[in-house]
Amino acid sequence: MTSVSLPDQVRAACARVAARARSVQIDELAIAEYAAGLPQPDTTDEPAPFTADPETGAAFAICMNAINFGSG
């Protein structure tokens, strides 16, 4: 019996919820344009984008969570 990882279980559960959503939907065609408009994190010696200005840090966190939980 193959064990399914916790992140895979979370992604699957999120996919089930998203598939049944009635009041909210994802505009797949808008994702690329939205992502292109996100501020780019500084790639210098900053340890993480969370140390940048609050708006950049929030945009980075939202984007990473969308990738992590939206890929299922």
PDB file of N, CA and C in Angstrom:
ATOM      1  N   MET A   1       0.838  -1.177   0.000  1.00  0.00           N
ATOM      2  CA  MET A   1       0.000   0.000   0.000  1.00  0.00           C
ATOM      3  C   MET A   1       0.888   1.248   0.000  1.00  0.00           C
ATOM      4  N   THR A   2       0.636   2.153  -0.938  1.00  0.00           N
ATOM      5  CA  THR A   2       1.428   3.365  -1.042  1.00  0.00           C
ATOM      6  C   THR A   2       0.858   4.444  -0.138  1.00  0.00           C
ATOM      7  N   SER A   3       1.728   5.054   0.628  1.00  0.00           N
ATOM      8  CA  SER A   3       1.327   6.131   1.523  1.00  0.00           C
ATOM      9  C   SER A   3       1.338   7.462   0.761  1.00  0.00           C
ATOM     10  N   VAL A   4       0.312   8.267   0.965  1.00  0.00           N
ATOM     11  CA  VAL A   4       0.215   9.579   0.321  1.00  0.00           C
ATOM     12  C   VAL A   4       0.706  10.621   1.315  1.00  0.00           C
ATOM     13  N   SER A   5       1.587  11.495   0.854  1.00  0.00           N
ATOM     14  CA  SER A   5       2.157  12.500   1.748  1.00  0.00           C
ATOM     15  C   SER A   5       1.085  13.486   2.214  1.00  0.00           C
ATOM     16  N   LEU A   6       1.328  14.112   3.346  1.00  0.00           N
ATOM     17  CA  LEU A   6       0.404  15.103   3.879  1.00  0.00           C
ATOM     18  C   LEU A   6       0.177  16.253   2.897  1.00  0.00           C
ATOM     19  N   PRO A   7       1.247  16.827   2.287  1.00  0.00           N
ATOM     20  CA  PRO A   7       0.987  17.893   1.307  1.00  0.00           C
ATOM     21  C   PRO A   7       0.102  17.431   0.148  1.00  0.00           C
ATOM     22  N   ASP A   8       0.286  16.182  -0.302  1.00  0.00           N
ATOM     23  CA  ASP A   8      -0.569  15.670  -1.373  1.00  0.00           C
ATOM     24  C   ASP A   8      -2.015  15.517  -0.906  1.00  0.00           C
ATOM     25  N   GLN A   9      -2.206  15.124   0.337  1.00  0.00           N
ATOM     26  CA  GLN A   9      -3.554  15.017   0.889  1.00  0.00           C
ATOM     27  C   GLN A   9      -4.215  16.394   0.960  1.00  0.00           C
ATOM     28  N   VAL A  10      -3.449  17.397   1.388  1.00  0.00           N
ATOM     29  CA  VAL A  10      -3.978  18.766   1.475  1.00  0.00           C
ATOM     30  C   VAL A  10      -4.338  19.274   0.083  1.00  0.00           C
ATOM     31  N   ARG A  11      -3.451  19.054  -0.899  1.00  0.00           N
ATOM     32  CA  ARG A  11      -3.740  19.490  -2.270  1.00  0.00           C
ATOM     33  C   ARG A  11      -5.004  18.834  -2.806  1.00  0.00           C
ATOM     34  N   ALA A  12      -5.154  17.546  -2.549  1.00  0.00           N
ATOM     35  CA  ALA A  12      -6.332  16.825  -3.024  1.00  0.00           C
ATOM     36  C   ALA A  12      -7.604  17.370  -2.373  1.00  0.00           C
ATOM     37  N   ALA A  13      -7.534  17.639  -1.078  1.00  0.00           N
ATOM     38  CA  ALA A  13      -8.697  18.197  -0.384  1.00  0.00           C
ATOM     39  C   ALA A  13      -9.035  19.578  -0.926  1.00  0.00           C
ATOM     40  N   CYS A  14      -8.021  20.397  -1.170  1.00  0.00           N
ATOM     41  CA  CYS A  14      -8.247  21.736  -1.729  1.00  0.00           C
ATOM     42  C   CYS A  14      -8.835  21.647  -3.131  1.00  0.00           C
ATOM     43  N   ALA A  15      -8.384  20.709  -3.912  1.00  0.00           N
ATOM     44  CA  ALA A  15      -8.917  20.522  -5.263  1.00  0.00           C
ATOM     45  C   ALA A  15     -10.390  20.128  -5.207  1.00  0.00           C
ATOM     46  N   ARG A  16     -10.759  19.266  -4.247  1.00  0.00           N
ATOM     47  CA  ARG A  16     -12.163  18.877  -4.105  1.00  0.00           C
ATOM     48  C   ARG A  16     -13.025  20.075  -3.728  1.00  0.00           C
ATOM     49  N   VAL A  17     -12.531  20.885  -2.799  1.00  0.00           N
ATOM     50  CA  VAL A  17     -13.273  22.082  -2.385  1.00  0.00           C
ATOM     51  C   VAL A  17     -13.414  23.044  -3.555  1.00  0.00           C
ATOM     52  N   ALA A  18     -12.328  23.296  -4.274  1.00  0.00           N
ATOM     53  CA  ALA A  18     -12.365  24.219  -5.408  1.00  0.00           C
ATOM     54  C   ALA A  18     -13.303  23.723  -6.499  1.00  0.00           C
ATOM     55  N   ALA A  19     -13.353  22.420  -6.717  1.00  0.00           N
ATOM     56  CA  ALA A  19     -14.212  21.855  -7.755  1.00  0.00           C
ATOM     57  C   ALA A  19     -15.692  22.042  -7.426  1.00  0.00           C
ATOM     58  N   ARG A  20     -16.024  22.091  -6.144  1.00  0.00           N
ATOM     59  CA  ARG A  20     -17.426  22.234  -5.740  1.00  0.00           C
ATOM     60  C   ARG A  20     -17.815  23.672  -5.430  1.00  0.00           C
ATOM     61  N   ALA A  21     -16.875  24.607  -5.501  1.00  0.00           N
ATOM     62  CA  ALA A  21     -17.167  26.004  -5.154  1.00  0.00           C
ATOM     63  C   ALA A  21     -18.235  26.569  -6.076  1.00  0.00           C
ATOM     64  N   ARG A  22     -19.167  27.305  -5.499  1.00  0.00           N
ATOM     65  CA  ARG A  22     -20.227  27.931  -6.289  1.00  0.00           C
ATOM     66  C   ARG A  22     -20.099  29.442  -6.310  1.00  0.00           C
ATOM     67  N   SER A  23     -19.560  30.035  -5.259  1.00  0.00           N
ATOM     68  CA  SER A  23     -19.510  31.490  -5.148  1.00  0.00           C
ATOM     69  C   SER A  23     -18.166  32.073  -5.566  1.00  0.00           C
ATOM     70  N   VAL A  24     -17.157  31.225  -5.668  1.00  0.00           N
ATOM     71  CA  VAL A  24     -15.811  31.689  -6.001  1.00  0.00           C
ATOM     72  C   VAL A  24     -15.267  30.798  -7.100  1.00  0.00           C
ATOM     73  N   GLN A  25     -14.564  31.410  -8.045  1.00  0.00           N
ATOM     74  CA  GLN A  25     -13.922  30.607  -9.076  1.00  0.00           C
ATOM     75  C   GLN A  25     -12.589  31.240  -9.463  1.00  0.00           C
ATOM     76  N   ILE A  26     -11.729  30.437 -10.028  1.00  0.00           N
ATOM     77  CA  ILE A  26     -10.408  30.903 -10.449  1.00  0.00           C
ATOM     78  C   ILE A  26     -10.458  31.215 -11.929  1.00  0.00           C
ATOM     79  N   ASP A  27     -10.017  32.415 -12.264  1.00  0.00           N
ATOM     80  CA  ASP A  27      -9.928  32.820 -13.671  1.00  0.00           C
ATOM     81  C   ASP A  27      -8.551  32.390 -14.169  1.00  0.00           C
ATOM     82  N   GLU A  28      -8.471  31.199 -14.727  1.00  0.00           N
ATOM     83  CA  GLU A  28      -7.203  30.617 -15.163  1.00  0.00           C
ATOM     84  C   GLU A  28      -6.468  31.521 -16.150  1.00  0.00           C
ATOM     85  N   LEU A  29      -7.204  32.219 -17.005  1.00  0.00           N
ATOM     86  CA  LEU A  29      -6.576  33.072 -18.015  1.00  0.00           C
ATOM     87  C   LEU A  29      -5.933  34.317 -17.404  1.00  0.00           C
ATOM     88  N   ALA A  30      -6.322  34.693 -16.199  1.00  0.00           N
ATOM     89  CA  ALA A  30      -5.786  35.892 -15.567  1.00  0.00           C
ATOM     90  C   ALA A  30      -4.523  35.617 -14.743  1.00  0.00           C
ATOM     91  N   ILE A  31      -4.203  34.365 -14.511  1.00  0.00           N
ATOM     92  CA  ILE A  31      -3.086  34.025 -13.623  1.00  0.00           C
ATOM     93  C   ILE A  31      -1.754  34.538 -14.153  1.00  0.00           C
ATOM     94  N   ALA A  32      -1.454  34.303 -15.408  1.00  0.00           N
ATOM     95  CA  ALA A  32      -0.157  34.720 -15.965  1.00  0.00           C
ATOM     96  C   ALA A  32       0.008  36.235 -15.901  1.00  0.00           C
ATOM     97  N   GLU A  33      -1.042  36.971 -16.258  1.00  0.00           N
ATOM     98  CA  GLU A  33      -0.961  38.435 -16.215  1.00  0.00           C
ATOM     99  C   GLU A  33      -0.780  38.927 -14.781  1.00  0.00           C
ATOM    100  N   TYR A  34      -1.497  38.322 -13.844  1.00  0.00           N
ATOM    101  CA  TYR A  34      -1.359  38.692 -12.441  1.00  0.00           C
ATOM    102  C   TYR A  34       0.067  38.414 -11.950  1.00  0.00           C
ATOM    103  N   ALA A  35       0.568  37.231 -12.258  1.00  0.00           N
ATOM    104  CA  ALA A  35       1.913  36.853 -11.812  1.00  0.00           C
ATOM    105  C   ALA A  35       2.965  37.789 -12.393  1.00  0.00           C
ATOM    106  N   ALA A  36       2.793  38.203 -13.640  1.00  0.00           N
ATOM    107  CA  ALA A  36       3.757  39.108 -14.269  1.00  0.00           C
ATOM    108  C   ALA A  36       3.768  40.468 -13.582  1.00  0.00           C
ATOM    109  N   GLY A  37       2.656  40.849 -12.967  1.00  0.00           N
ATOM    110  CA  GLY A  37       2.569  42.139 -12.294  1.00  0.00           C
ATOM    111  C   GLY A  37       3.055  42.137 -10.861  1.00  0.00           C
ATOM    112  N   LEU A  38       3.377  40.965 -10.326  1.00  0.00           N
ATOM    113  CA  LEU A  38       3.866  40.905  -8.941  1.00  0.00           C
ATOM    114  C   LEU A  38       5.258  41.524  -8.850  1.00  0.00           C
ATOM    115  N   PRO A  39       5.527  42.231  -7.765  1.00  0.00           N
ATOM    116  CA  PRO A  39       6.871  42.775  -7.605  1.00  0.00           C
ATOM    117  C   PRO A  39       7.894  41.651  -7.500  1.00  0.00           C
ATOM    118  N   GLN A  40       9.015  41.856  -8.135  1.00  0.00           N
ATOM    119  CA  GLN A  40      10.069  40.843  -8.103  1.00  0.00           C
ATOM    120  C   GLN A  40      10.901  41.020  -6.834  1.00  0.00           C
ATOM    121  N   PRO A  41      11.140  39.933  -6.111  1.00  0.00           N
ATOM    122  CA  PRO A  41      11.961  40.050  -4.901  1.00  0.00           C
ATOM    123  C   PRO A  41      13.394  40.428  -5.247  1.00  0.00           C
ATOM    124  N   ASP A  42      14.008  41.131  -4.337  1.00  0.00           N
ATOM    125  CA  ASP A  42      15.402  41.523  -4.494  1.00  0.00           C
ATOM    126  C   ASP A  42      16.259  40.262  -4.381  1.00  0.00           C
ATOM    127  N   THR A  43      17.128  40.028  -5.344  1.00  0.00           N
ATOM    128  CA  THR A  43      17.946  38.805  -5.331  1.00  0.00           C
ATOM    129  C   THR A  43      19.347  39.049  -4.780  1.00  0.00           C
ATOM    130  N   THR A  44      19.502  40.147  -4.068  1.00  0.00           N
ATOM    131  CA  THR A  44      20.810  40.397  -3.453  1.00  0.00           C
ATOM    132  C   THR A  44      20.954  39.520  -2.220  1.00  0.00           C
ATOM    133  N   ASP A  45      21.572  40.010  -1.192  1.00  0.00           N
ATOM    134  CA  ASP A  45      21.841  39.209  -0.008  1.00  0.00           C
ATOM    135  C   ASP A  45      20.681  39.176   0.982  1.00  0.00           C
ATOM    136  N   GLU A  46      19.509  39.641   0.587  1.00  0.00           N
ATOM    137  CA  GLU A  46      18.358  39.576   1.488  1.00  0.00           C
ATOM    138  C   GLU A  46      18.064  38.105   1.787  1.00  0.00           C
ATOM    139  N   PRO A  47      17.823  37.746   3.037  1.00  0.00           N
ATOM    140  CA  PRO A  47      17.565  36.348   3.359  1.00  0.00           C
ATOM    141  C   PRO A  47      16.259  35.810   2.777  1.00  0.00           C
ATOM    142  N   ALA A  48      15.231  36.664   2.679  1.00  0.00           N
ATOM    143  CA  ALA A  48      13.949  36.225   2.135  1.00  0.00           C
ATOM    144  C   ALA A  48      13.115  37.449   1.784  1.00  0.00           C
ATOM    145  N   PRO A  49      12.182  37.300   0.852  1.00  0.00           N
ATOM    146  CA  PRO A  49      11.339  38.438   0.493  1.00  0.00           C
ATOM    147  C   PRO A  49      10.522  38.979   1.661  1.00  0.00           C
ATOM    148  N   PHE A  50      10.341  38.194   2.703  1.00  0.00           N
ATOM    149  CA  PHE A  50       9.572  38.663   3.849  1.00  0.00           C
ATOM    150  C   PHE A  50      10.268  39.815   4.564  1.00  0.00           C
ATOM    151  N   THR A  51      11.544  40.024   4.296  1.00  0.00           N
ATOM    152  CA  THR A  51      12.252  41.132   4.933  1.00  0.00           C
ATOM    153  C   THR A  51      12.146  42.404   4.102  1.00  0.00           C
ATOM    154  N   ALA A  52      11.549  42.304   2.924  1.00  0.00           N
ATOM    155  CA  ALA A  52      11.355  43.480   2.080  1.00  0.00           C
ATOM    156  C   ALA A  52      10.179  44.286   2.630  1.00  0.00           C
ATOM    157  N   ASP A  53       9.712  45.245   1.853  1.00  0.00           N
ATOM    158  CA  ASP A  53       8.571  46.036   2.314  1.00  0.00           C
ATOM    159  C   ASP A  53       7.367  45.107   2.505  1.00  0.00           C
ATOM    160  N   PRO A  54       6.424  45.490   3.363  1.00  0.00           N
ATOM    161  CA  PRO A  54       5.304  44.597   3.691  1.00  0.00           C
ATOM    162  C   PRO A  54       4.484  44.155   2.483  1.00  0.00           C
ATOM    163  N   GLU A  55       4.273  45.026   1.511  1.00  0.00           N
ATOM    164  CA  GLU A  55       3.461  44.649   0.359  1.00  0.00           C
ATOM    165  C   GLU A  55       4.159  43.573  -0.484  1.00  0.00           C
ATOM    166  N   THR A  56       5.469  43.704  -0.674  1.00  0.00           N
ATOM    167  CA  THR A  56       6.212  42.696  -1.422  1.00  0.00           C
ATOM    168  C   THR A  56       6.201  41.366  -0.677  1.00  0.00           C
ATOM    169  N   GLY A  57       6.387  41.426   0.624  1.00  0.00           N
ATOM    170  CA  GLY A  57       6.351  40.206   1.435  1.00  0.00           C
ATOM    171  C   GLY A  57       5.001  39.517   1.367  1.00  0.00           C
ATOM    172  N   ALA A  58       3.924  40.308   1.432  1.00  0.00           N
ATOM    173  CA  ALA A  58       2.574  39.734   1.360  1.00  0.00           C
ATOM    174  C   ALA A  58       2.325  39.127  -0.020  1.00  0.00           C
ATOM    175  N   ALA A  59       2.724  39.835  -1.081  1.00  0.00           N
ATOM    176  CA  ALA A  59       2.534  39.313  -2.444  1.00  0.00           C
ATOM    177  C   ALA A  59       3.286  37.995  -2.611  1.00  0.00           C
ATOM    178  N   PHE A  60       4.498  37.930  -2.081  1.00  0.00           N
ATOM    179  CA  PHE A  60       5.288  36.699  -2.179  1.00  0.00           C
ATOM    180  C   PHE A  60       4.607  35.557  -1.428  1.00  0.00           C
ATOM    181  N   ALA A  61       4.142  35.832  -0.216  1.00  0.00           N
ATOM    182  CA  ALA A  61       3.495  34.784   0.586  1.00  0.00           C
ATOM    183  C   ALA A  61       2.226  34.279  -0.094  1.00  0.00           C
ATOM    184  N   ILE A  62       1.426  35.196  -0.626  1.00  0.00           N
ATOM    185  CA  ILE A  62       0.182  34.796  -1.299  1.00  0.00           C
ATOM    186  C   ILE A  62       0.502  33.967  -2.536  1.00  0.00           C
ATOM    187  N   CYS A  63       1.479  34.404  -3.291  1.00  0.00           N
ATOM    188  CA  CYS A  63       1.871  33.674  -4.511  1.00  0.00           C
ATOM    189  C   CYS A  63       2.369  32.269  -4.164  1.00  0.00           C
ATOM    190  N   MET A  64       3.223  32.157  -3.166  1.00  0.00           N
ATOM    191  CA  MET A  64       3.747  30.842  -2.787  1.00  0.00           C
ATOM    192  C   MET A  64       2.634  29.923  -2.273  1.00  0.00           C
ATOM    193  N   ASN A  65       1.696  30.466  -1.507  1.00  0.00           N
ATOM    194  CA  ASN A  65       0.588  29.646  -1.027  1.00  0.00           C
ATOM    195  C   ASN A  65      -0.316  29.225  -2.175  1.00  0.00           C
ATOM    196  N   ALA A  66      -0.514  30.103  -3.144  1.00  0.00           N
ATOM    197  CA  ALA A  66      -1.327  29.743  -4.305  1.00  0.00           C
ATOM    198  C   ALA A  66      -0.664  28.610  -5.082  1.00  0.00           C
ATOM    199  N   ILE A  67       0.649  28.665  -5.203  1.00  0.00           N
ATOM    200  CA  ILE A  67       1.368  27.593  -5.896  1.00  0.00           C
ATOM    201  C   ILE A  67       1.279  26.298  -5.102  1.00  0.00           C
ATOM    202  N   ASN A  68       1.543  26.375  -3.803  1.00  0.00           N
ATOM    203  CA  ASN A  68       1.546  25.167  -2.966  1.00  0.00           C
ATOM    204  C   ASN A  68       0.192  24.505  -2.884  1.00  0.00           C
ATOM    205  N   PHE A  69      -0.863  25.300  -2.734  1.00  0.00           N
ATOM    206  CA  PHE A  69      -2.181  24.713  -2.513  1.00  0.00           C
ATOM    207  C   PHE A  69      -3.034  24.693  -3.761  1.00  0.00           C
ATOM    208  N   GLY A  70      -2.585  25.340  -4.819  1.00  0.00           N
ATOM    209  CA  GLY A  70      -3.376  25.381  -6.033  1.00  0.00           C
ATOM    210  C   GLY A  70      -2.924  24.408  -7.093  1.00  0.00           C
ATOM    211  N   SER A  71      -1.861  23.682  -6.813  1.00  0.00           N
ATOM    212  CA  SER A  71      -1.313  22.797  -7.849  1.00  0.00           C
ATOM    213  C   SER A  71      -1.983  21.438  -7.881  1.00  0.00           C
ATOM    214  N   GLY A  72      -2.936  21.217  -7.015  1.00  0.00           N
ATOM    215  CA  GLY A  72      -3.591  19.910  -6.959  1.00  0.00           C
ATOM    216  C   GLY A  72      -4.755  19.870  -7.865  1.00  0.00           C
TER     217      GLY A  72
END
